[in-house]
PDB file of all heavy atoms in Angstrom:
ATOM      1  N   ALA A   1       1.334  -1.138   0.345  1.00  0.00           N
ATOM      2  CA  ALA A   1       1.826  -2.422  -0.147  1.00  0.00           C
ATOM      3  C   ALA A   1       2.366  -2.250  -1.568  1.00  0.00           C
ATOM      4  O   ALA A   1       1.621  -2.092  -2.520  1.00  0.00           O
ATOM      5  CB  ALA A   1       0.720  -3.450  -0.124  1.00  0.00           C
ATOM      6  N   ASP A   2       3.696  -2.303  -1.686  1.00  0.00           N
ATOM      7  CA  ASP A   2       4.377  -2.169  -2.969  1.00  0.00           C
ATOM      8  C   ASP A   2       5.069  -3.479  -3.289  1.00  0.00           C
ATOM      9  O   ASP A   2       6.103  -3.837  -2.684  1.00  0.00           O
ATOM     10  CB  ASP A   2       5.397  -0.992  -2.913  1.00  0.00           C
ATOM     11  CG  ASP A   2       5.996  -0.666  -4.246  1.00  0.00           C
ATOM     12  OD1 ASP A   2       5.742  -1.394  -5.196  1.00  0.00           O
ATOM     13  OD2 ASP A   2       6.713   0.342  -4.331  1.00  0.00           O
ATOM     14  N   GLN A   3       4.471  -4.263  -4.219  1.00  0.00           N
ATOM     15  CA  GLN A   3       5.026  -5.533  -4.657  1.00  0.00           C
ATOM     16  C   GLN A   3       5.093  -6.554  -3.524  1.00  0.00           C
ATOM     17  O   GLN A   3       6.058  -7.298  -3.402  1.00  0.00           O
ATOM     18  CB  GLN A   3       6.400  -5.334  -5.314  1.00  0.00           C
ATOM     19  CG  GLN A   3       6.394  -4.407  -6.495  1.00  0.00           C
ATOM     20  CD  GLN A   3       7.722  -4.324  -7.257  1.00  0.00           C
ATOM     21  OE1 GLN A   3       8.355  -5.372  -7.466  1.00  0.00           O
ATOM     22  NE2 GLN A   3       8.151  -3.119  -7.571  1.00  0.00           N
ATOM     23  N   LEU A   4       4.036  -6.579  -2.695  1.00  0.00           N
ATOM     24  CA  LEU A   4       3.945  -7.641  -1.714  1.00  0.00           C
ATOM     25  C   LEU A   4       3.265  -8.892  -2.349  1.00  0.00           C
ATOM     26  O   LEU A   4       2.519  -8.750  -3.309  1.00  0.00           O
ATOM     27  CB  LEU A   4       3.087  -7.186  -0.516  1.00  0.00           C
ATOM     28  CG  LEU A   4       3.647  -6.071   0.357  1.00  0.00           C
ATOM     29  CD1 LEU A   4       2.723  -5.809   1.507  1.00  0.00           C
ATOM     30  CD2 LEU A   4       5.038  -6.393   0.855  1.00  0.00           C
ATOM     31  N   LYS A   5       3.546 -10.031  -1.810  1.00  0.00           N
ATOM     32  CA  LYS A   5       2.957 -11.275  -2.348  1.00  0.00           C
ATOM     33  C   LYS A   5       1.469 -11.315  -2.071  1.00  0.00           C
ATOM     34  O   LYS A   5       0.974 -10.731  -1.090  1.00  0.00           O
ATOM     35  CB  LYS A   5       3.654 -12.484  -1.696  1.00  0.00           C
ATOM     36  CG  LYS A   5       5.137 -12.582  -2.022  1.00  0.00           C
ATOM     37  CD  LYS A   5       5.756 -13.760  -1.275  1.00  0.00           C
ATOM     38  CE  LYS A   5       7.266 -13.861  -1.535  1.00  0.00           C
ATOM     39  NZ  LYS A   5       7.895 -14.948  -0.778  1.00  0.00           N
ATOM     40  N   SER A   6       0.742 -12.051  -2.908  1.00  0.00           N
ATOM     41  CA  SER A   6      -0.726 -12.160  -2.733  1.00  0.00           C
ATOM     42  C   SER A   6      -1.059 -12.812  -1.394  1.00  0.00           C
ATOM     43  O   SER A   6      -2.064 -12.442  -0.762  1.00  0.00           O
ATOM     44  CB  SER A   6      -1.318 -12.960  -3.892  1.00  0.00           C
ATOM     45  OG  SER A   6      -0.721 -14.260  -3.984  1.00  0.00           O
ATOM     46  N   SER A   7      -0.236 -13.766  -0.943  1.00  0.00           N
ATOM     47  CA  SER A   7      -0.481 -14.410   0.316  1.00  0.00           C
ATOM     48  C   SER A   7      -0.346 -13.441   1.500  1.00  0.00           C
ATOM     49  O   SER A   7      -1.077 -13.494   2.483  1.00  0.00           O
ATOM     50  CB  SER A   7       0.466 -15.595   0.529  1.00  0.00           C
ATOM     51  OG  SER A   7       1.817 -15.179   0.443  1.00  0.00           O
ATOM     52  N   THR A   8       0.637 -12.524   1.364  1.00  0.00           N
ATOM     53  CA  THR A   8       0.844 -11.503   2.400  1.00  0.00           C
ATOM     54  C   THR A   8      -0.333 -10.523   2.413  1.00  0.00           C
ATOM     55  O   THR A   8      -0.852 -10.155   3.499  1.00  0.00           O
ATOM     56  CB  THR A   8       2.136 -10.732   2.153  1.00  0.00           C
ATOM     57  OG1 THR A   8       3.257 -11.642   2.078  1.00  0.00           O
ATOM     58  CG2 THR A   8       2.404  -9.721   3.250  1.00  0.00           C
ATOM     59  N   LEU A   9      -0.780 -10.127   1.234  1.00  0.00           N
ATOM     60  CA  LEU A   9      -1.944  -9.201   1.159  1.00  0.00           C
ATOM     61  C   LEU A   9      -3.158  -9.835   1.752  1.00  0.00           C
ATOM     62  O   LEU A   9      -3.953  -9.149   2.441  1.00  0.00           O
ATOM     63  CB  LEU A   9      -2.182  -8.834  -0.319  1.00  0.00           C
ATOM     64  CG  LEU A   9      -1.120  -8.004  -0.992  1.00  0.00           C
ATOM     65  CD1 LEU A   9      -1.390  -7.908  -2.507  1.00  0.00           C
ATOM     66  CD2 LEU A   9      -1.024  -6.620  -0.372  1.00  0.00           C
ATOM     67  N   LYS A  10      -3.337 -11.114   1.527  1.00  0.00           N
ATOM     68  CA  LYS A  10      -4.542 -11.767   2.110  1.00  0.00           C
ATOM     69  C   LYS A  10      -4.484 -11.768   3.631  1.00  0.00           C
ATOM     70  O   LYS A  10      -5.514 -11.507   4.286  1.00  0.00           O
ATOM     71  CB  LYS A  10      -4.594 -13.225   1.581  1.00  0.00           C
ATOM     72  CG  LYS A  10      -5.810 -13.994   2.074  1.00  0.00           C
ATOM     73  CD  LYS A  10      -5.813 -15.424   1.455  1.00  0.00           C
ATOM     74  CE  LYS A  10      -7.073 -16.165   1.947  1.00  0.00           C
ATOM     75  NZ  LYS A  10      -7.096 -17.549   1.365  1.00  0.00           N
ATOM     76  N   GLU A  11      -3.331 -12.020   4.199  1.00  0.00           N
ATOM     77  CA  GLU A  11      -3.192 -11.989   5.656  1.00  0.00           C
ATOM     78  C   GLU A  11      -3.362 -10.591   6.221  1.00  0.00           C
ATOM     79  O   GLU A  11      -3.943 -10.390   7.293  1.00  0.00           O
ATOM     80  CB  GLU A  11      -1.834 -12.609   6.077  1.00  0.00           C
ATOM     81  CG  GLU A  11      -1.734 -14.088   5.840  1.00  0.00           C
ATOM     82  CD  GLU A  11      -0.537 -14.713   6.524  1.00  0.00           C
ATOM     83  OE1 GLU A  11      -0.482 -14.714   7.760  1.00  0.00           O
ATOM     84  OE2 GLU A  11       0.390 -15.142   5.791  1.00  0.00           O
ATOM     85  N   LEU A  12      -2.822  -9.602   5.501  1.00  0.00           N
ATOM     86  CA  LEU A  12      -2.987  -8.212   5.952  1.00  0.00           C
ATOM     87  C   LEU A  12      -4.456  -7.793   5.943  1.00  0.00           C
ATOM     88  O   LEU A  12      -4.895  -7.090   6.875  1.00  0.00           O
ATOM     89  CB  LEU A  12      -2.198  -7.287   5.004  1.00  0.00           C
ATOM     90  CG  LEU A  12      -0.693  -7.174   5.198  1.00  0.00           C
ATOM     91  CD1 LEU A  12      -0.059  -6.361   4.101  1.00  0.00           C
ATOM     92  CD2 LEU A  12      -0.331  -6.606   6.569  1.00  0.00           C
ATOM     93  N   ASN A  13      -5.180  -8.251   4.961  1.00  0.00           N
ATOM     94  CA  ASN A  13      -6.614  -7.951   4.891  1.00  0.00           C
ATOM     95  C   ASN A  13      -7.421  -8.569   6.012  1.00  0.00           C
ATOM     96  O   ASN A  13      -8.538  -8.150   6.338  1.00  0.00           O
ATOM     97  CB  ASN A  13      -7.213  -8.390   3.564  1.00  0.00           C
ATOM     98  CG  ASN A  13      -6.700  -7.496   2.426  1.00  0.00           C
ATOM     99  OD1 ASN A  13      -6.417  -6.340   2.593  1.00  0.00           O
ATOM    100  ND2 ASN A  13      -6.580  -8.071   1.214  1.00  0.00           N
ATOM    101  N   GLY A  14      -6.800  -9.550   6.723  1.00  0.00           N
ATOM    102  CA  GLY A  14      -7.449 -10.183   7.841  1.00  0.00           C
ATOM    103  C   GLY A  14      -7.167  -9.511   9.167  1.00  0.00           C
ATOM    104  O   GLY A  14      -7.635  -9.919  10.213  1.00  0.00           O
ATOM    105  N   THR A  15      -6.358  -8.418   9.126  1.00  0.00           N
ATOM    106  CA  THR A  15      -6.056  -7.651  10.314  1.00  0.00           C
ATOM    107  C   THR A  15      -6.872  -6.336  10.305  1.00  0.00           C
ATOM    108  O   THR A  15      -7.622  -6.048   9.369  1.00  0.00           O
ATOM    109  CB  THR A  15      -4.559  -7.306  10.380  1.00  0.00           C
ATOM    110  OG1 THR A  15      -4.259  -6.312   9.376  1.00  0.00           O
ATOM    111  CG2 THR A  15      -3.691  -8.506  10.161  1.00  0.00           C
ATOM    112  N   ASP A  16      -6.714  -5.572  11.345  1.00  0.00           N
ATOM    113  CA  ASP A  16      -7.444  -4.269  11.448  1.00  0.00           C
ATOM    114  C   ASP A  16      -6.660  -3.177  10.697  1.00  0.00           C
ATOM    115  O   ASP A  16      -7.137  -1.999  10.716  1.00  0.00           O
ATOM    116  CB  ASP A  16      -7.610  -3.901  12.888  1.00  0.00           C
ATOM    117  CG  ASP A  16      -8.613  -4.771  13.597  1.00  0.00           C
ATOM    118  OD1 ASP A  16      -9.507  -5.264  12.930  1.00  0.00           O
ATOM    119  OD2 ASP A  16      -8.470  -4.932  14.813  1.00  0.00           O
ATOM    120  N   ALA A  17      -5.560  -3.519  10.041  1.00  0.00           N
ATOM    121  CA  ALA A  17      -4.844  -2.478   9.259  1.00  0.00           C
ATOM    122  C   ALA A  17      -5.527  -2.273   7.925  1.00  0.00           C
ATOM    123  O   ALA A  17      -6.238  -3.144   7.415  1.00  0.00           O
ATOM    124  CB  ALA A  17      -3.392  -2.959   9.045  1.00  0.00           C
ATOM    125  N   ILE A  18      -5.275  -1.083   7.379  1.00  0.00           N
ATOM    126  CA  ILE A  18      -5.784  -0.775   6.036  1.00  0.00           C
ATOM    127  C   ILE A  18      -4.636  -1.054   5.040  1.00  0.00           C
ATOM    128  O   ILE A  18      -3.494  -0.649   5.260  1.00  0.00           O
ATOM    129  CB  ILE A  18      -6.177   0.706   5.924  1.00  0.00           C
ATOM    130  CG1 ILE A  18      -7.343   1.019   6.858  1.00  0.00           C
ATOM    131  CG2 ILE A  18      -6.499   1.090   4.512  1.00  0.00           C
ATOM    132  CD1 ILE A  18      -7.667   2.490   7.000  1.00  0.00           C
ATOM    133  N   THR A  19      -4.949  -1.761   3.970  1.00  0.00           N
ATOM    134  CA  THR A  19      -3.949  -2.086   2.967  1.00  0.00           C
ATOM    135  C   THR A  19      -4.146  -1.189   1.746  1.00  0.00           C
ATOM    136  O   THR A  19      -5.244  -1.234   1.103  1.00  0.00           O
ATOM    137  CB  THR A  19      -4.004  -3.560   2.546  1.00  0.00           C
ATOM    138  OG1 THR A  19      -3.865  -4.361   3.703  1.00  0.00           O
ATOM    139  CG2 THR A  19      -2.878  -3.872   1.559  1.00  0.00           C
ATOM    140  N   HIS A  20      -3.137  -0.425   1.392  1.00  0.00           N
ATOM    141  CA  HIS A  20      -3.199   0.450   0.229  1.00  0.00           C
ATOM    142  C   HIS A  20      -2.179  -0.027  -0.787  1.00  0.00           C
ATOM    143  O   HIS A  20      -0.962   0.113  -0.626  1.00  0.00           O
ATOM    144  CB  HIS A  20      -2.885   1.882   0.652  1.00  0.00           C
ATOM    145  CG  HIS A  20      -2.793   2.879  -0.485  1.00  0.00           C
ATOM    146  ND1 HIS A  20      -3.817   3.148  -1.340  1.00  0.00           N
ATOM    147  CD2 HIS A  20      -1.722   3.632  -0.918  1.00  0.00           C
ATOM    148  CE1 HIS A  20      -3.436   4.035  -2.215  1.00  0.00           C
ATOM    149  NE2 HIS A  20      -2.152   4.359  -2.025  1.00  0.00           N
ATOM    150  N   GLU A  21      -2.647  -0.681  -1.842  1.00  0.00           N
ATOM    151  CA  GLU A  21      -1.748  -1.252  -2.831  1.00  0.00           C
ATOM    152  C   GLU A  21      -1.311  -0.185  -3.840  1.00  0.00           C
ATOM    153  O   GLU A  21      -2.102   0.599  -4.341  1.00  0.00           O
ATOM    154  CB  GLU A  21      -2.415  -2.406  -3.580  1.00  0.00           C
ATOM    155  CG  GLU A  21      -2.719  -3.616  -2.698  1.00  0.00           C
ATOM    156  CD  GLU A  21      -3.283  -4.780  -3.494  1.00  0.00           C
ATOM    157  OE1 GLU A  21      -2.577  -5.242  -4.462  1.00  0.00           O
ATOM    158  OE2 GLU A  21      -4.398  -5.242  -3.202  1.00  0.00           O
ATOM    159  N   VAL A  22       0.000  -0.225  -4.174  1.00  0.00           N
ATOM    160  CA  VAL A  22       0.541   0.709  -5.136  1.00  0.00           C
ATOM    161  C   VAL A  22       1.492  -0.038  -6.052  1.00  0.00           C
ATOM    162  O   VAL A  22       1.983  -1.142  -5.778  1.00  0.00           O
ATOM    163  CB  VAL A  22       1.355   1.865  -4.450  1.00  0.00           C
ATOM    164  CG1 VAL A  22       0.422   2.722  -3.613  1.00  0.00           C
ATOM    165  CG2 VAL A  22       2.485   1.323  -3.622  1.00  0.00           C
ATOM    166  N   LYS A  23       1.688   0.522  -7.255  1.00  0.00           N
ATOM    167  CA  LYS A  23       2.623  -0.029  -8.194  1.00  0.00           C
ATOM    168  C   LYS A  23       3.251   1.094  -9.016  1.00  0.00           C
ATOM    169  O   LYS A  23       2.530   1.895  -9.610  1.00  0.00           O
ATOM    170  CB  LYS A  23       1.935  -1.030  -9.138  1.00  0.00           C
ATOM    171  CG  LYS A  23       2.885  -1.799 -10.042  1.00  0.00           C
ATOM    172  CD  LYS A  23       2.157  -2.840 -10.871  1.00  0.00           C
ATOM    173  CE  LYS A  23       3.118  -3.626 -11.719  1.00  0.00           C
ATOM    174  NZ  LYS A  23       2.446  -4.679 -12.515  1.00  0.00           N
ATOM    175  N   PHE A  24       4.573   1.210  -8.965  1.00  0.00           N
ATOM    176  CA  PHE A  24       5.271   2.262  -9.636  1.00  0.00           C
ATOM    177  C   PHE A  24       6.296   1.670 -10.602  1.00  0.00           C
ATOM    178  O   PHE A  24       6.827   0.594 -10.378  1.00  0.00           O
ATOM    179  CB  PHE A  24       5.988   3.183  -8.623  1.00  0.00           C
ATOM    180  CG  PHE A  24       5.100   3.741  -7.600  1.00  0.00           C
ATOM    181  CD1 PHE A  24       5.203   3.307  -6.284  1.00  0.00           C
ATOM    182  CD2 PHE A  24       4.186   4.719  -7.884  1.00  0.00           C
ATOM    183  CE1 PHE A  24       4.387   3.805  -5.270  1.00  0.00           C
ATOM    184  CE2 PHE A  24       3.331   5.257  -6.911  1.00  0.00           C
ATOM    185  CZ  PHE A  24       3.449   4.803  -5.592  1.00  0.00           C
ATOM    186  N   GLU A  25       6.591   2.406 -11.648  1.00  0.00           N
ATOM    187  CA  GLU A  25       7.642   2.013 -12.536  1.00  0.00           C
ATOM    188  C   GLU A  25       9.005   2.018 -11.821  1.00  0.00           C
ATOM    189  O   GLU A  25       9.832   1.112 -11.955  1.00  0.00           O
ATOM    190  CB  GLU A  25       7.715   2.949 -13.778  1.00  0.00           C
ATOM    191  CG  GLU A  25       8.737   2.492 -14.809  1.00  0.00           C
ATOM    192  CD  GLU A  25       8.732   3.367 -16.035  1.00  0.00           C
ATOM    193  OE1 GLU A  25       7.759   4.127 -16.234  1.00  0.00           O
ATOM    194  OE2 GLU A  25       9.729   3.290 -16.813  1.00  0.00           O
ATOM    195  N   LYS A  26       9.187   3.070 -11.019  1.00  0.00           N
ATOM    196  CA  LYS A  26      10.367   3.154 -10.122  1.00  0.00           C
ATOM    197  C   LYS A  26       9.883   3.483  -8.722  1.00  0.00           C
ATOM    198  O   LYS A  26       9.372   4.600  -8.510  1.00  0.00           O
ATOM    199  CB  LYS A  26      11.372   4.203 -10.616  1.00  0.00           C
ATOM    200  CG  LYS A  26      12.122   3.837 -11.887  1.00  0.00           C
ATOM    201  CD  LYS A  26      13.174   4.848 -12.236  1.00  0.00           C
ATOM    202  CE  LYS A  26      13.968   4.447 -13.470  1.00  0.00           C
ATOM    203  NZ  LYS A  26      15.020   5.434 -13.811  1.00  0.00           N
ATOM    204  N   SER A  27      10.005   2.567  -7.814  1.00  0.00           N
ATOM    205  CA  SER A  27       9.467   2.765  -6.479  1.00  0.00           C
ATOM    206  C   SER A  27      10.344   3.666  -5.660  1.00  0.00           C
ATOM    207  O   SER A  27      11.555   3.550  -5.670  1.00  0.00           O
ATOM    208  CB  SER A  27       9.357   1.406  -5.766  1.00  0.00           C
ATOM    209  OG  SER A  27       8.413   0.588  -6.417  1.00  0.00           O
ATOM    210  N   THR A  28       9.736   4.588  -4.927  1.00  0.00           N
ATOM    211  CA  THR A  28      10.414   5.385  -3.933  1.00  0.00           C
ATOM    212  C   THR A  28       9.504   5.560  -2.719  1.00  0.00           C
ATOM    213  O   THR A  28       8.278   5.434  -2.842  1.00  0.00           O
ATOM    214  CB  THR A  28      10.804   6.794  -4.480  1.00  0.00           C
ATOM    215  OG1 THR A  28       9.596   7.596  -4.647  1.00  0.00           O
ATOM    216  CG2 THR A  28      11.554   6.735  -5.750  1.00  0.00           C
ATOM    217  N   LYS A  29      10.092   5.863  -1.623  1.00  0.00           N
ATOM    218  CA  LYS A  29       9.315   6.038  -0.385  1.00  0.00           C
ATOM    219  C   LYS A  29       8.400   7.285  -0.497  1.00  0.00           C
ATOM    220  O   LYS A  29       7.261   7.232  -0.052  1.00  0.00           O
ATOM    221  CB  LYS A  29      10.276   6.183   0.792  1.00  0.00           C
ATOM    222  CG  LYS A  29       9.697   5.990   2.134  1.00  0.00           C
ATOM    223  CD  LYS A  29      10.782   5.960   3.193  1.00  0.00           C
ATOM    224  CE  LYS A  29      10.223   5.600   4.567  1.00  0.00           C
ATOM    225  NZ  LYS A  29      11.342   5.473   5.546  1.00  0.00           N
ATOM    226  N   ALA A  30       8.948   8.308  -1.102  1.00  0.00           N
ATOM    227  CA  ALA A  30       8.160   9.558  -1.258  1.00  0.00           C
ATOM    228  C   ALA A  30       6.881   9.317  -2.093  1.00  0.00           C
ATOM    229  O   ALA A  30       5.813   9.800  -1.779  1.00  0.00           O
ATOM    230  CB  ALA A  30       9.007  10.636  -1.859  1.00  0.00           C
ATOM    231  N   LYS A  31       7.027   8.569  -3.182  1.00  0.00           N
ATOM    232  CA  LYS A  31       5.885   8.260  -4.047  1.00  0.00           C
ATOM    233  C   LYS A  31       4.836   7.456  -3.278  1.00  0.00           C
ATOM    234  O   LYS A  31       3.641   7.695  -3.396  1.00  0.00           O
ATOM    235  CB  LYS A  31       6.341   7.449  -5.280  1.00  0.00           C
ATOM    236  CG  LYS A  31       7.059   8.209  -6.335  1.00  0.00           C
ATOM    237  CD  LYS A  31       7.408   7.285  -7.488  1.00  0.00           C
ATOM    238  CE  LYS A  31       8.254   8.007  -8.527  1.00  0.00           C
ATOM    239  NZ  LYS A  31       8.669   7.058  -9.618  1.00  0.00           N
ATOM    240  N   ALA A  32       5.289   6.487  -2.496  1.00  0.00           N
ATOM    241  CA  ALA A  32       4.378   5.636  -1.723  1.00  0.00           C
ATOM    242  C   ALA A  32       3.569   6.481  -0.744  1.00  0.00           C
ATOM    243  O   ALA A  32       2.334   6.350  -0.629  1.00  0.00           O
ATOM    244  CB  ALA A  32       5.165   4.521  -1.027  1.00  0.00           C
ATOM    245  N   ILE A  33       4.268   7.324   0.012  1.00  0.00           N
ATOM    246  CA  ILE A  33       3.611   8.163   1.024  1.00  0.00           C
ATOM    247  C   ILE A  33       2.638   9.133   0.368  1.00  0.00           C
ATOM    248  O   ILE A  33       1.493   9.296   0.810  1.00  0.00           O
ATOM    249  CB  ILE A  33       4.674   8.903   1.851  1.00  0.00           C
ATOM    250  CG1 ILE A  33       5.483   7.931   2.657  1.00  0.00           C
ATOM    251  CG2 ILE A  33       4.003   9.956   2.762  1.00  0.00           C
ATOM    252  CD1 ILE A  33       6.694   8.549   3.287  1.00  0.00           C
ATOM    253  N   SER A  34       3.040   9.751  -0.737  1.00  0.00           N
ATOM    254  CA  SER A  34       2.222  10.745  -1.420  1.00  0.00           C
ATOM    255  C   SER A  34       0.940  10.070  -1.934  1.00  0.00           C
ATOM    256  O   SER A  34      -0.176  10.655  -1.865  1.00  0.00           O
ATOM    257  CB  SER A  34       2.995  11.361  -2.579  1.00  0.00           C
ATOM    258  OG  SER A  34       2.213  12.332  -3.225  1.00  0.00           O
ATOM    259  N   SER A  35       1.066   8.836  -2.440  1.00  0.00           N
ATOM    260  CA  SER A  35      -0.090   8.134  -2.943  1.00  0.00           C
ATOM    261  C   SER A  35      -1.111   7.856  -1.843  1.00  0.00           C
ATOM    262  O   SER A  35      -2.337   8.039  -2.020  1.00  0.00           O
ATOM    263  CB  SER A  35       0.347   6.756  -3.536  1.00  0.00           C
ATOM    264  OG  SER A  35      -0.751   5.971  -3.878  1.00  0.00           O
ATOM    265  N   ALA A  36      -0.630   7.466  -0.638  1.00  0.00           N
ATOM    266  CA  ALA A  36      -1.549   7.230   0.478  1.00  0.00           C
ATOM    267  C   ALA A  36      -2.211   8.513   0.959  1.00  0.00           C
ATOM    268  O   ALA A  36      -3.421   8.527   1.284  1.00  0.00           O
ATOM    269  CB  ALA A  36      -0.778   6.574   1.589  1.00  0.00           C
ATOM    270  N   LEU A  37      -1.443   9.577   0.973  1.00  0.00           N
ATOM    271  CA  LEU A  37      -2.014  10.866   1.433  1.00  0.00           C
ATOM    272  C   LEU A  37      -3.116  11.381   0.499  1.00  0.00           C
ATOM    273  O   LEU A  37      -4.070  12.044   0.943  1.00  0.00           O
ATOM    274  CB  LEU A  37      -0.903  11.931   1.526  1.00  0.00           C
ATOM    275  CG  LEU A  37       0.133  11.716   2.601  1.00  0.00           C
ATOM    276  CD1 LEU A  37       1.246  12.749   2.517  1.00  0.00           C
ATOM    277  CD2 LEU A  37      -0.490  11.740   3.994  1.00  0.00           C
ATOM    278  N   GLU A  38      -3.005  11.068  -0.768  1.00  0.00           N
ATOM    279  CA  GLU A  38      -4.038  11.477  -1.717  1.00  0.00           C
ATOM    280  C   GLU A  38      -5.325  10.733  -1.473  1.00  0.00           C
ATOM    281  O   GLU A  38      -6.456  11.301  -1.654  1.00  0.00           O
ATOM    282  CB  GLU A  38      -3.564  11.196  -3.152  1.00  0.00           C
ATOM    283  CG  GLU A  38      -2.452  12.090  -3.683  1.00  0.00           C
ATOM    284  CD  GLU A  38      -2.955  13.520  -3.915  1.00  0.00           C
ATOM    285  OE1 GLU A  38      -4.167  13.760  -3.974  1.00  0.00           O
ATOM    286  OE2 GLU A  38      -2.075  14.386  -4.068  1.00  0.00           O
ATOM    287  N   LYS A  39      -5.239   9.505  -1.010  1.00  0.00           N
ATOM    288  CA  LYS A  39      -6.465   8.704  -0.845  1.00  0.00           C
ATOM    289  C   LYS A  39      -7.050   8.809   0.543  1.00  0.00           C
ATOM    290  O   LYS A  39      -8.295   8.828   0.736  1.00  0.00           O
ATOM    291  CB  LYS A  39      -6.149   7.242  -1.116  1.00  0.00           C
ATOM    292  CG  LYS A  39      -7.373   6.336  -1.026  1.00  0.00           C
ATOM    293  CD  LYS A  39      -7.048   4.929  -1.502  1.00  0.00           C
ATOM    294  CE  LYS A  39      -8.315   4.045  -1.452  1.00  0.00           C
ATOM    295  NZ  LYS A  39      -8.035   2.676  -1.900  1.00  0.00           N
ATOM    296  N   TYR A  40      -6.187   8.858   1.587  1.00  0.00           N
ATOM    297  CA  TYR A  40      -6.656   8.877   2.964  1.00  0.00           C
ATOM    298  C   TYR A  40      -6.486  10.279   3.558  1.00  0.00           C
ATOM    299  O   TYR A  40      -5.353  10.686   3.862  1.00  0.00           O
ATOM    300  CB  TYR A  40      -5.939   7.810   3.766  1.00  0.00           C
ATOM    301  CG  TYR A  40      -6.075   6.426   3.187  1.00  0.00           C
ATOM    302  CD1 TYR A  40      -5.032   5.920   2.399  1.00  0.00           C
ATOM    303  CD2 TYR A  40      -7.218   5.660   3.359  1.00  0.00           C
ATOM    304  CE1 TYR A  40      -5.149   4.659   1.821  1.00  0.00           C
ATOM    305  CE2 TYR A  40      -7.344   4.404   2.783  1.00  0.00           C
ATOM    306  CZ  TYR A  40      -6.319   3.900   2.006  1.00  0.00           C
ATOM    307  OH  TYR A  40      -6.439   2.654   1.431  1.00  0.00           O
ATOM    308  N   THR A  41      -7.562  10.986   3.703  1.00  0.00           N
ATOM    309  CA  THR A  41      -7.499  12.385   4.067  1.00  0.00           C
ATOM    310  C   THR A  41      -8.140  12.744   5.405  1.00  0.00           C
ATOM    311  O   THR A  41      -7.993  13.878   5.877  1.00  0.00           O
ATOM    312  CB  THR A  41      -8.180  13.225   2.981  1.00  0.00           C
ATOM    313  OG1 THR A  41      -9.555  12.842   2.852  1.00  0.00           O
ATOM    314  CG2 THR A  41      -7.469  13.027   1.629  1.00  0.00           C
ATOM    315  N   ASN A  42      -8.833  11.814   6.033  1.00  0.00           N
ATOM    316  CA  ASN A  42      -9.602  12.143   7.225  1.00  0.00           C
ATOM    317  C   ASN A  42      -8.760  12.046   8.505  1.00  0.00           C
ATOM    318  O   ASN A  42      -9.141  11.367   9.466  1.00  0.00           O
ATOM    319  CB  ASN A  42     -10.808  11.204   7.354  1.00  0.00           C
ATOM    320  CG  ASN A  42     -11.796  11.669   8.387  1.00  0.00           C
ATOM    321  OD1 ASN A  42     -11.919  12.856   8.694  1.00  0.00           O
ATOM    322  ND2 ASN A  42     -12.501  10.683   9.027  1.00  0.00           N
TER     323      ASN A  42
END
């Protein structure tokens, strides 16, 4: 989740999906993916 609204985050948290919030000075797809890979390793 990169710059999603708080209402959207709340609804996502009510699903079975995992929400990984990120914030970058300059957003790129590669940065987002790399950030998730660092945290979720199993």
